[in-house]
N, C-alpha and C. Protein backbone atom coordinates (compact mmCIF):
# COMPACT_ATOMS: atom_id res chain seq x y z
N MET A 1 0.48 -18.09 -11.20
CA MET A 1 0.79 -19.47 -10.89
C MET A 1 1.12 -20.20 -12.18
N ASP A 2 2.04 -21.11 -12.07
CA ASP A 2 2.36 -21.90 -13.25
C ASP A 2 1.50 -23.17 -13.24
N GLY A 3 1.73 -24.05 -14.17
CA GLY A 3 0.94 -25.28 -14.30
C GLY A 3 1.02 -26.22 -13.12
N THR A 4 2.07 -26.09 -12.31
CA THR A 4 2.21 -26.96 -11.14
C THR A 4 1.62 -26.33 -9.87
N GLY A 5 1.12 -25.10 -9.99
CA GLY A 5 0.57 -24.41 -8.84
C GLY A 5 1.58 -23.57 -8.09
N ALA A 6 2.80 -23.51 -8.59
CA ALA A 6 3.83 -22.70 -7.94
C ALA A 6 3.63 -21.23 -8.30
N PHE A 7 3.82 -20.37 -7.32
CA PHE A 7 3.67 -18.93 -7.53
C PHE A 7 5.05 -18.29 -7.58
N THR A 8 5.27 -17.47 -8.59
CA THR A 8 6.51 -16.73 -8.71
C THR A 8 6.17 -15.25 -8.75
N MET A 9 6.72 -14.50 -7.79
CA MET A 9 6.47 -13.07 -7.77
C MET A 9 7.43 -12.41 -8.76
N PHE A 10 6.87 -11.63 -9.65
CA PHE A 10 7.71 -11.01 -10.66
C PHE A 10 7.83 -9.51 -10.46
N ARG A 11 6.87 -8.88 -9.82
CA ARG A 11 6.93 -7.46 -9.48
C ARG A 11 6.16 -7.28 -8.19
N ARG A 12 6.58 -6.30 -7.41
CA ARG A 12 5.85 -6.06 -6.17
C ARG A 12 5.97 -4.59 -5.78
N ALA A 13 4.95 -4.12 -5.10
CA ALA A 13 4.94 -2.77 -4.56
C ALA A 13 5.36 -2.85 -3.10
N LYS A 14 6.19 -1.91 -2.69
CA LYS A 14 6.64 -1.85 -1.30
C LYS A 14 6.01 -0.62 -0.66
N LEU A 15 5.18 -0.85 0.35
CA LEU A 15 4.54 0.26 1.05
C LEU A 15 5.52 0.79 2.09
N VAL A 16 5.90 2.04 1.95
CA VAL A 16 6.93 2.65 2.79
C VAL A 16 6.25 3.24 4.04
N LEU A 17 6.36 2.52 5.15
CA LEU A 17 5.65 2.91 6.36
C LEU A 17 6.23 4.16 7.01
N ASP A 18 7.50 4.45 6.80
CA ASP A 18 8.04 5.68 7.39
C ASP A 18 7.57 6.92 6.65
N ALA A 19 6.84 6.75 5.56
CA ALA A 19 6.27 7.87 4.82
C ALA A 19 4.83 8.17 5.23
N VAL A 20 4.30 7.43 6.23
CA VAL A 20 2.94 7.67 6.71
C VAL A 20 2.91 9.01 7.42
N ASP A 21 1.95 9.85 7.05
CA ASP A 21 1.76 11.15 7.68
C ASP A 21 1.56 10.98 9.19
N SER A 22 2.21 11.82 9.99
CA SER A 22 2.15 11.66 11.44
C SER A 22 0.72 11.79 11.98
N ALA A 23 -0.11 12.62 11.37
CA ALA A 23 -1.50 12.75 11.83
C ALA A 23 -2.27 11.46 11.57
N ALA A 24 -2.07 10.84 10.41
CA ALA A 24 -2.73 9.58 10.09
C ALA A 24 -2.25 8.47 11.02
N LEU A 25 -0.96 8.47 11.31
CA LEU A 25 -0.40 7.45 12.21
C LEU A 25 -0.97 7.61 13.62
N HIS A 26 -1.05 8.83 14.10
CA HIS A 26 -1.61 9.09 15.42
C HIS A 26 -3.09 8.66 15.48
N ALA A 27 -3.86 9.01 14.46
CA ALA A 27 -5.26 8.61 14.41
C ALA A 27 -5.40 7.10 14.34
N ALA A 28 -4.53 6.43 13.60
CA ALA A 28 -4.57 4.97 13.49
C ALA A 28 -4.32 4.30 14.83
N ARG A 29 -3.44 4.87 15.60
CA ARG A 29 -3.19 4.32 16.95
C ARG A 29 -4.45 4.40 17.79
N GLY A 30 -5.20 5.48 17.66
CA GLY A 30 -6.42 5.65 18.43
C GLY A 30 -7.59 4.82 17.92
N HIS A 31 -7.67 4.64 16.61
CA HIS A 31 -8.80 3.93 16.01
C HIS A 31 -8.54 2.44 15.80
N GLY A 32 -7.29 2.06 15.71
CA GLY A 32 -6.96 0.65 15.54
C GLY A 32 -6.85 0.18 14.10
N ARG A 33 -6.81 1.12 13.15
CA ARG A 33 -6.70 0.69 11.75
C ARG A 33 -5.99 1.77 10.94
N LEU A 34 -5.02 1.36 10.14
CA LEU A 34 -4.32 2.24 9.20
C LEU A 34 -4.69 1.77 7.80
N ILE A 35 -5.17 2.68 6.98
CA ILE A 35 -5.65 2.33 5.64
C ILE A 35 -4.76 2.98 4.59
N ALA A 36 -4.39 2.22 3.58
CA ALA A 36 -3.64 2.73 2.44
C ALA A 36 -4.51 2.62 1.20
N ARG A 37 -4.66 3.74 0.49
CA ARG A 37 -5.41 3.74 -0.76
C ARG A 37 -4.43 4.09 -1.88
N LEU A 38 -4.39 3.24 -2.89
CA LEU A 38 -3.48 3.46 -4.01
C LEU A 38 -3.99 2.74 -5.24
N GLY A 39 -3.63 3.27 -6.39
CA GLY A 39 -3.92 2.58 -7.64
C GLY A 39 -2.94 1.45 -7.82
N LEU A 40 -3.30 0.48 -8.60
CA LEU A 40 -2.42 -0.68 -8.78
C LEU A 40 -1.71 -0.69 -10.12
N THR A 41 -1.89 0.38 -10.90
CA THR A 41 -1.19 0.47 -12.18
C THR A 41 -0.38 1.76 -12.23
N ASP A 42 0.72 1.72 -12.98
CA ASP A 42 1.55 2.90 -13.13
C ASP A 42 1.04 3.76 -14.29
N ALA A 43 1.76 4.83 -14.60
CA ALA A 43 1.34 5.76 -15.65
C ALA A 43 1.25 5.11 -17.02
N ASP A 44 1.98 4.01 -17.24
CA ASP A 44 1.95 3.31 -18.52
C ASP A 44 0.92 2.18 -18.56
N GLY A 45 0.20 1.99 -17.45
CA GLY A 45 -0.82 0.93 -17.40
C GLY A 45 -0.29 -0.41 -16.91
N GLY A 46 0.99 -0.47 -16.57
CA GLY A 46 1.57 -1.70 -16.05
C GLY A 46 1.36 -1.79 -14.54
N PRO A 47 1.74 -2.90 -13.92
CA PRO A 47 1.57 -3.03 -12.48
C PRO A 47 2.47 -2.06 -11.72
N LEU A 48 1.91 -1.47 -10.68
CA LEU A 48 2.67 -0.55 -9.85
C LEU A 48 3.72 -1.35 -9.08
N CYS A 49 4.94 -0.89 -9.06
CA CYS A 49 6.00 -1.60 -8.35
C CYS A 49 6.99 -0.60 -7.78
N ALA A 50 7.93 -1.08 -7.03
CA ALA A 50 8.96 -0.29 -6.34
C ALA A 50 8.40 0.30 -5.06
N ALA A 51 9.11 1.24 -4.46
CA ALA A 51 8.68 1.86 -3.20
C ALA A 51 7.57 2.86 -3.49
N ILE A 52 6.44 2.70 -2.81
CA ILE A 52 5.27 3.55 -3.04
C ILE A 52 5.18 4.58 -1.91
N ARG A 53 5.28 5.84 -2.30
CA ARG A 53 5.21 6.95 -1.35
C ARG A 53 4.19 7.95 -1.86
N PRO A 54 3.68 8.83 -0.95
CA PRO A 54 2.79 9.89 -1.41
C PRO A 54 3.46 10.68 -2.53
N PRO A 55 2.74 11.12 -3.50
CA PRO A 55 1.29 11.16 -3.63
C PRO A 55 0.66 9.93 -4.26
N LEU A 56 1.45 8.88 -4.53
CA LEU A 56 0.88 7.67 -5.14
C LEU A 56 0.06 6.85 -4.15
N ILE A 57 0.21 7.13 -2.87
CA ILE A 57 -0.53 6.41 -1.84
C ILE A 57 -1.10 7.43 -0.86
N ASP A 58 -2.30 7.16 -0.39
CA ASP A 58 -2.95 8.02 0.59
C ASP A 58 -3.19 7.22 1.85
N TRP A 59 -2.60 7.65 2.95
CA TRP A 59 -2.75 6.97 4.25
C TRP A 59 -3.83 7.66 5.07
N SER A 60 -4.66 6.86 5.73
CA SER A 60 -5.69 7.40 6.62
C SER A 60 -5.97 6.39 7.72
N ALA A 61 -6.81 6.77 8.65
CA ALA A 61 -7.17 5.89 9.77
C ALA A 61 -8.68 5.75 9.83
N ASP A 62 -9.12 4.66 10.42
CA ASP A 62 -10.55 4.40 10.57
C ASP A 62 -10.73 3.49 11.76
N GLN A 63 -11.91 3.48 12.32
CA GLN A 63 -12.18 2.57 13.42
C GLN A 63 -12.22 1.15 12.92
N ALA A 64 -11.65 0.24 13.69
CA ALA A 64 -11.74 -1.18 13.36
C ALA A 64 -13.16 -1.64 13.61
N GLY A 65 -13.57 -2.61 12.80
CA GLY A 65 -14.91 -3.13 13.06
C GLY A 65 -15.63 -3.49 11.88
C-alpha cells in the first residue's frame, strides 16, 4: 500500500486449476474442499509469480469444517 492506502499489485501467482490431479479433484468434490500447498518464494528468494503448476504446488482434498 502506498501512503494514500491504495494497493498496487506488482507480482502475482496464478494457480492453474486445469493442472489439478484428477484424483485430488474427485476427492475435493466429495469432501467439499480443495487445498493448494505451495511456497511463496522462488529459487532466488523473491516472490513466487507466473503460472504455478506441479511440482511447485501440491493439490489435495480435505473435509470442510
